Amino acid sequence: MELVIDTNILISAVIARSTTLDLIFDERIKLFSTEYSFTEIRKHLNEISKKSKLSKKELDFLFSKLFSKTKIFSQEEYQYLKEKAKIISPNKDD
């Protein structure tokens, strides 16, 4: 199975340590995301640490594992799809 994941899903999964986190690390699932998602995660690492009650060292480990199994697309790679995405996405910010 292939899934596109955004920043909110990644952060929520880590904070809640929910079934979503289990799915994210399921070897049968191939993940895709954007460079921007991982930039946002790094920017909010202190807040994620507080809410998840995980140390920055633990989060670094967790996110490095996550990043290693995710195909990350640069903005240049998906720029041509942004207008189409705006039409079909229910949330203009996603």
C-alpha atoms as a PDB file:
ATOM      1  CA  MET A   1       0.000   0.000   0.000  1.00  0.00           C
ATOM      2  CA  GLU A   2       1.177   3.525  -0.739  1.00  0.00           C
ATOM      3  CA  LEU A   3       0.261   6.519   1.425  1.00  0.00           C
ATOM      4  CA  VAL A   4       0.944  10.213   1.206  1.00  0.00           C
ATOM      5  CA  ILE A   5       1.375  11.664   4.680  1.00  0.00           C
ATOM      6  CA  ASP A   6       1.405  15.277   5.754  1.00  0.00           C
ATOM      7  CA  THR A   7       2.922  17.081   8.712  1.00  0.00           C
ATOM      8  CA  ASN A   8      -0.199  16.975  10.887  1.00  0.00           C
ATOM      9  CA  ILE A   9      -0.533  13.208  10.534  1.00  0.00           C
ATOM     10  CA  LEU A  10       3.124  12.639  11.366  1.00  0.00           C
ATOM     11  CA  ILE A  11       3.116  14.895  14.414  1.00  0.00           C
ATOM     12  CA  SER A  12      -0.227  13.604  15.730  1.00  0.00           C
ATOM     13  CA  ALA A  13       0.905  10.004  15.359  1.00  0.00           C
ATOM     14  CA  VAL A  14       4.052  10.658  17.359  1.00  0.00           C
ATOM     15  CA  ILE A  15       2.345  12.646  20.099  1.00  0.00           C
ATOM     16  CA  ALA A  16      -0.522  10.180  20.594  1.00  0.00           C
ATOM     17  CA  ARG A  17       1.538   7.058  19.771  1.00  0.00           C
ATOM     18  CA  SER A  18      -1.615   5.753  18.154  1.00  0.00           C
ATOM     19  CA  THR A  19      -2.459   3.058  15.654  1.00  0.00           C
ATOM     20  CA  THR A  20      -1.474   5.576  12.995  1.00  0.00           C
ATOM     21  CA  LEU A  21       2.116   5.380  14.203  1.00  0.00           C
ATOM     22  CA  ASP A  22       1.986   1.593  13.930  1.00  0.00           C
ATOM     23  CA  LEU A  23       0.702   1.926  10.365  1.00  0.00           C
ATOM     24  CA  ILE A  24       3.410   4.421   9.469  1.00  0.00           C
ATOM     25  CA  PHE A  25       6.070   1.907  10.498  1.00  0.00           C
ATOM     26  CA  ASP A  26       4.347  -1.067   8.885  1.00  0.00           C
ATOM     27  CA  GLU A  27       6.837  -2.489   6.377  1.00  0.00           C
ATOM     28  CA  ARG A  28       4.036  -3.221   3.895  1.00  0.00           C
ATOM     29  CA  ILE A  29       3.262   0.474   3.549  1.00  0.00           C
ATOM     30  CA  LYS A  30       5.318   2.767   1.347  1.00  0.00           C
ATOM     31  CA  LEU A  31       5.228   6.398   2.461  1.00  0.00           C
ATOM     32  CA  PHE A  32       5.495   9.604   0.468  1.00  0.00           C
ATOM     33  CA  SER A  33       5.807  13.129   1.788  1.00  0.00           C
ATOM     34  CA  THR A  34       7.310  16.510   1.034  1.00  0.00           C
ATOM     35  CA  GLU A  35      10.488  18.216   2.141  1.00  0.00           C
ATOM     36  CA  TYR A  36       8.292  20.853   3.708  1.00  0.00           C
ATOM     37  CA  SER A  37       6.705  18.333   6.101  1.00  0.00           C
ATOM     38  CA  PHE A  38      10.061  17.418   7.534  1.00  0.00           C
ATOM     39  CA  THR A  39      11.138  21.066   7.748  1.00  0.00           C
ATOM     40  CA  GLU A  40       7.984  21.777   9.766  1.00  0.00           C
ATOM     41  CA  ILE A  41       8.657  18.859  12.091  1.00  0.00           C
ATOM     42  CA  ARG A  42      12.173  20.095  12.814  1.00  0.00           C
ATOM     43  CA  LYS A  43      10.822  23.600  13.414  1.00  0.00           C
ATOM     44  CA  HIS A  44       8.351  22.313  16.036  1.00  0.00           C
ATOM     45  CA  LEU A  45      10.563  19.699  17.680  1.00  0.00           C
ATOM     46  CA  ASN A  46      10.464  21.379  21.122  1.00  0.00           C
ATOM     47  CA  GLU A  47       6.668  21.462  21.125  1.00  0.00           C
ATOM     48  CA  ILE A  48       6.446  17.870  19.893  1.00  0.00           C
ATOM     49  CA  SER A  49       8.847  16.811  22.647  1.00  0.00           C
ATOM     50  CA  LYS A  50       6.730  18.450  25.349  1.00  0.00           C
ATOM     51  CA  LYS A  51       3.438  17.054  24.082  1.00  0.00           C
ATOM     52  CA  SER A  52       4.740  13.551  23.391  1.00  0.00           C
ATOM     53  CA  LYS A  53       6.816  13.388  26.576  1.00  0.00           C
ATOM     54  CA  LEU A  54       9.677  12.048  24.453  1.00  0.00           C
ATOM     55  CA  SER A  55      13.175  13.463  24.682  1.00  0.00           C
ATOM     56  CA  LYS A  56      14.684  15.198  21.686  1.00  0.00           C
ATOM     57  CA  LYS A  57      17.085  12.269  21.397  1.00  0.00           C
ATOM     58  CA  GLU A  58      14.141   9.836  21.226  1.00  0.00           C
ATOM     59  CA  LEU A  59      12.370  12.043  18.685  1.00  0.00           C
ATOM     60  CA  ASP A  60      15.515  12.327  16.581  1.00  0.00           C
ATOM     61  CA  PHE A  61      15.737   8.550  16.495  1.00  0.00           C
ATOM     62  CA  LEU A  62      12.043   8.114  15.724  1.00  0.00           C
ATOM     63  CA  PHE A  63      12.004  10.721  12.960  1.00  0.00           C
ATOM     64  CA  SER A  64      15.256   9.461  11.440  1.00  0.00           C
ATOM     65  CA  LYS A  65      13.651   6.008  11.149  1.00  0.00           C
ATOM     66  CA  LEU A  66      10.567   7.601   9.660  1.00  0.00           C
ATOM     67  CA  PHE A  67      12.545   9.725   7.203  1.00  0.00           C
ATOM     68  CA  SER A  68      14.532   6.696   6.074  1.00  0.00           C
ATOM     69  CA  LYS A  69      11.400   4.842   4.986  1.00  0.00           C
ATOM     70  CA  THR A  70       9.687   7.805   3.338  1.00  0.00           C
ATOM     71  CA  LYS A  71      10.142   8.923  -0.255  1.00  0.00           C
ATOM     72  CA  ILE A  72      10.575  12.662   0.117  1.00  0.00           C
ATOM     73  CA  PHE A  73       9.664  14.980  -2.743  1.00  0.00           C
ATOM     74  CA  SER A  74      11.171  18.423  -3.181  1.00  0.00           C
ATOM     75  CA  GLN A  75       8.881  21.317  -4.067  1.00  0.00           C
ATOM     76  CA  GLU A  76      10.311  21.323  -7.596  1.00  0.00           C
ATOM     77  CA  GLU A  77       9.126  17.732  -8.079  1.00  0.00           C
ATOM     78  CA  TYR A  78       5.481  18.476  -7.342  1.00  0.00           C
ATOM     79  CA  GLN A  79       5.160  22.179  -8.204  1.00  0.00           C
ATOM     80  CA  TYR A  80       3.339  21.402 -11.463  1.00  0.00           C
ATOM     81  CA  LEU A  81       0.621  19.561  -9.518  1.00  0.00           C
ATOM     82  CA  LYS A  82      -0.193  22.351  -7.046  1.00  0.00           C
ATOM     83  CA  GLU A  83      -2.993  23.932  -9.079  1.00  0.00           C
ATOM     84  CA  LYS A  84      -4.712  20.581  -9.631  1.00  0.00           C
ATOM     85  CA  ALA A  85      -4.334  19.758  -5.917  1.00  0.00           C
ATOM     86  CA  LYS A  86      -5.995  23.036  -4.938  1.00  0.00           C
ATOM     87  CA  ILE A  87      -9.044  22.012  -6.951  1.00  0.00           C
ATOM     88  CA  ILE A  88      -9.434  18.541  -5.424  1.00  0.00           C
ATOM     89  CA  SER A  89      -8.241  19.179  -1.846  1.00  0.00           C
ATOM     90  CA  PRO A  90     -10.913  19.958   0.733  1.00  0.00           C
ATOM     91  CA  ASN A  91      -8.359  21.940   2.750  1.00  0.00           C
ATOM     92  CA  LYS A  92      -6.603  24.741   0.884  1.00  0.00           C
ATOM     93  CA  ASP A  93      -3.567  24.539   3.255  1.00  0.00           C
ATOM     94  CA  ASP A  94      -2.796  20.861   2.533  1.00  0.00           C
END
